[in-house]
Amino acid sequence: VAKYVESALPQLDTIETMLANNVPLEEIRTAVDNLRKETDSLNTILDPVMLCIEETIETMYGYPDQLTSILAGIIKQRTVLQGQLGYAENREKAAKKKYYMLIALGPFGLAGLAAATAAYLSIKKEVNGYKSEISALNSQIDSLNIMITA
């Protein structure tokens, strides 16, 4: 483009001078046609570039819509996980209560204490897993919100 401008400006000046000096119309037409040929060749190069730029802009304007639907799906996942977390936390509380009850029974509760400990630890691991997944989804939601508003 810069080379075109460098060569076109002097040509335009020449055409302007030709008009001012009343040069025959045929010579002026030839000079204008030569400039038009250069312009057409530049347009041939620029047209695909401009099309690509326009498509990119259209795509970029479409991203917030796509991101919003992705965001909605992630929020739905988070909501389901929060429900599962609540249920798992209730089970954890019940297992912990049973564990403490077996400890309170002393030697009579030793038989069930090992099983209760294993069950409690399993539920605790499940609760931590849900919390971790929810935390990861919250990070994704924050990132998407930033991208949508940018």
Protein backbone atom coordinates (compact mmCIF):
# COMPACT_ATOMS: atom_id res chain seq x y z
CA VAL A 1 0.00 0.00 0.00
CA ALA A 2 2.83 2.38 0.85
CA LYS A 3 4.48 1.74 -2.53
CA TYR A 4 1.17 2.38 -4.26
CA VAL A 5 0.74 5.69 -2.46
CA GLU A 6 4.34 6.66 -3.31
CA SER A 7 3.75 6.07 -7.00
CA ALA A 8 0.12 7.27 -7.16
CA LEU A 9 0.63 10.70 -5.61
CA PRO A 10 3.15 11.86 -8.24
CA GLN A 11 0.92 10.41 -10.96
CA LEU A 12 -2.05 12.36 -9.61
CA ASP A 13 0.08 15.50 -9.53
CA THR A 14 1.08 14.86 -13.14
CA ILE A 15 -2.57 14.39 -14.16
CA GLU A 16 -3.49 17.60 -12.35
CA THR A 17 -0.70 19.45 -14.16
CA MET A 18 -1.84 17.98 -17.48
CA LEU A 19 -5.36 19.28 -16.81
CA ALA A 20 -4.06 22.72 -15.91
CA ASN A 21 -1.92 22.88 -19.06
CA ASN A 22 -4.79 21.80 -21.31
CA VAL A 23 -3.03 18.65 -22.48
CA PRO A 24 -5.10 16.70 -25.01
CA LEU A 25 -7.81 14.58 -23.41
CA GLU A 26 -6.46 11.34 -24.88
CA GLU A 27 -3.14 11.75 -23.02
CA ILE A 28 -4.95 12.54 -19.77
CA ARG A 29 -7.20 9.51 -20.26
CA THR A 30 -4.13 7.29 -20.79
CA ALA A 31 -2.53 8.60 -17.56
CA VAL A 32 -5.79 8.03 -15.63
CA ASP A 33 -6.14 4.52 -17.09
CA ASN A 34 -2.57 3.66 -16.04
CA LEU A 35 -3.33 4.84 -12.50
CA ARG A 36 -6.61 2.89 -12.50
CA LYS A 37 -4.75 -0.30 -13.52
CA GLU A 38 -2.42 0.10 -10.56
CA THR A 39 -5.41 0.74 -8.30
CA ASP A 40 -7.19 -2.34 -9.62
CA SER A 41 -4.14 -4.52 -9.00
CA LEU A 42 -3.94 -3.15 -5.45
CA ASN A 43 -7.66 -3.85 -4.94
CA THR A 44 -7.11 -7.42 -6.13
CA ILE A 45 -4.57 -7.83 -3.34
CA LEU A 46 -6.56 -5.94 -0.70
CA ASP A 47 -10.01 -7.45 -1.33
CA PRO A 48 -9.20 -10.85 0.25
CA VAL A 49 -7.45 -9.10 3.13
CA MET A 50 -10.45 -6.84 3.75
CA LEU A 51 -12.80 -9.82 3.57
CA CYS A 52 -10.70 -11.66 6.13
CA ILE A 53 -10.73 -8.61 8.41
CA GLU A 54 -14.51 -8.25 8.07
CA GLU A 55 -15.04 -11.96 8.82
CA THR A 56 -12.77 -11.71 11.85
CA ILE A 57 -14.69 -8.71 13.16
CA GLU A 58 -18.01 -10.52 12.64
CA THR A 59 -16.63 -13.57 14.42
CA MET A 60 -15.36 -11.48 17.30
CA TYR A 61 -18.75 -9.82 17.71
CA GLY A 62 -20.29 -13.29 17.79
CA TYR A 63 -17.99 -14.52 20.58
CA PRO A 64 -19.94 -12.94 23.46
CA ASP A 65 -23.04 -14.86 22.37
CA GLN A 66 -21.09 -18.10 22.20
CA LEU A 67 -19.39 -17.39 25.50
CA THR A 68 -22.73 -16.63 27.14
CA SER A 69 -24.08 -20.06 26.19
CA ILE A 70 -20.89 -21.72 27.44
CA LEU A 71 -21.19 -19.69 30.65
CA ALA A 72 -24.79 -20.83 31.12
CA GLY A 73 -23.69 -24.47 30.79
CA ILE A 74 -20.92 -24.02 33.34
CA ILE A 75 -23.28 -22.28 35.77
CA LYS A 76 -25.69 -25.21 35.39
CA GLN A 77 -22.85 -27.64 36.15
CA ARG A 78 -21.93 -25.60 39.22
CA THR A 79 -25.53 -25.61 40.45
CA VAL A 80 -25.74 -29.40 40.11
CA LEU A 81 -22.41 -29.79 41.93
CA GLN A 82 -23.56 -27.47 44.71
CA GLY A 83 -26.62 -29.69 45.21
CA GLN A 84 -24.43 -32.79 45.29
CA LEU A 85 -22.08 -31.02 47.70
CA GLY A 86 -24.95 -30.18 50.05
CA TYR A 87 -26.10 -33.80 50.05
CA ALA A 88 -22.55 -35.07 50.61
CA GLU A 89 -22.01 -32.57 53.47
CA ASN A 90 -25.18 -33.82 55.17
CA ARG A 91 -23.92 -37.40 54.83
CA GLU A 92 -20.55 -36.26 56.19
CA LYS A 93 -22.20 -34.69 59.25
CA ALA A 94 -24.20 -37.88 59.87
CA ALA A 95 -21.08 -40.04 59.52
CA LYS A 96 -19.15 -37.74 61.86
CA LYS A 97 -21.97 -37.89 64.41
CA LYS A 98 -22.00 -41.71 64.20
CA TYR A 99 -18.20 -41.72 64.57
CA TYR A 100 -18.37 -39.63 67.77
CA MET A 101 -21.21 -41.80 69.09
CA LEU A 102 -19.08 -44.92 68.59
CA ILE A 103 -16.18 -43.27 70.37
CA ALA A 104 -18.52 -42.41 73.25
CA LEU A 105 -19.49 -46.07 73.55
CA GLY A 106 -15.90 -46.88 74.38
CA PRO A 107 -14.93 -50.53 74.05
CA PHE A 108 -18.45 -51.47 72.97
CA GLY A 109 -18.17 -49.24 69.92
CA LEU A 110 -14.74 -50.38 68.74
CA ALA A 111 -16.14 -52.92 66.28
CA GLY A 112 -18.04 -50.29 64.30
CA LEU A 113 -15.45 -47.54 64.78
CA ALA A 114 -13.13 -48.80 62.02
CA ALA A 115 -15.99 -49.04 59.53
CA ALA A 116 -17.32 -45.63 60.56
CA THR A 117 -13.87 -44.08 60.16
CA ALA A 118 -13.50 -45.50 56.66
CA ALA A 119 -16.99 -44.32 55.67
CA TYR A 120 -16.37 -40.86 57.12
CA LEU A 121 -13.04 -40.49 55.29
CA SER A 122 -14.64 -41.61 52.03
CA ILE A 123 -17.44 -39.07 52.37
CA LYS A 124 -14.95 -36.36 53.39
CA LYS A 125 -12.95 -37.09 50.20
CA GLU A 126 -16.14 -36.81 48.15
CA VAL A 127 -17.01 -33.46 49.78
CA ASN A 128 -13.52 -32.12 49.08
CA GLY A 129 -13.80 -33.29 45.46
CA TYR A 130 -17.07 -31.39 45.00
CA LYS A 131 -15.57 -28.28 46.59
CA SER A 132 -12.57 -28.50 44.28
CA GLU A 133 -14.76 -28.90 41.16
CA ILE A 134 -16.96 -25.98 42.21
CA SER A 135 -13.88 -23.84 42.78
CA ALA A 136 -12.57 -24.70 39.30
CA LEU A 137 -15.95 -23.88 37.74
CA ASN A 138 -16.04 -20.57 39.63
CA SER A 139 -12.66 -19.71 38.11
CA GLN A 140 -13.95 -20.55 34.63
CA ILE A 141 -17.07 -18.46 35.24
CA ASP A 142 -14.96 -15.49 36.35
CA SER A 143 -12.73 -15.82 33.27
CA LEU A 144 -15.70 -16.03 30.90
CA ASN A 145 -17.36 -13.03 32.53
CA ILE A 146 -14.18 -11.05 31.98
CA MET A 147 -14.01 -12.14 28.33
CA ILE A 148 -17.68 -11.28 27.74
CA THR A 149 -17.37 -7.80 29.22
CA ALA A 150 -14.04 -7.04 27.47
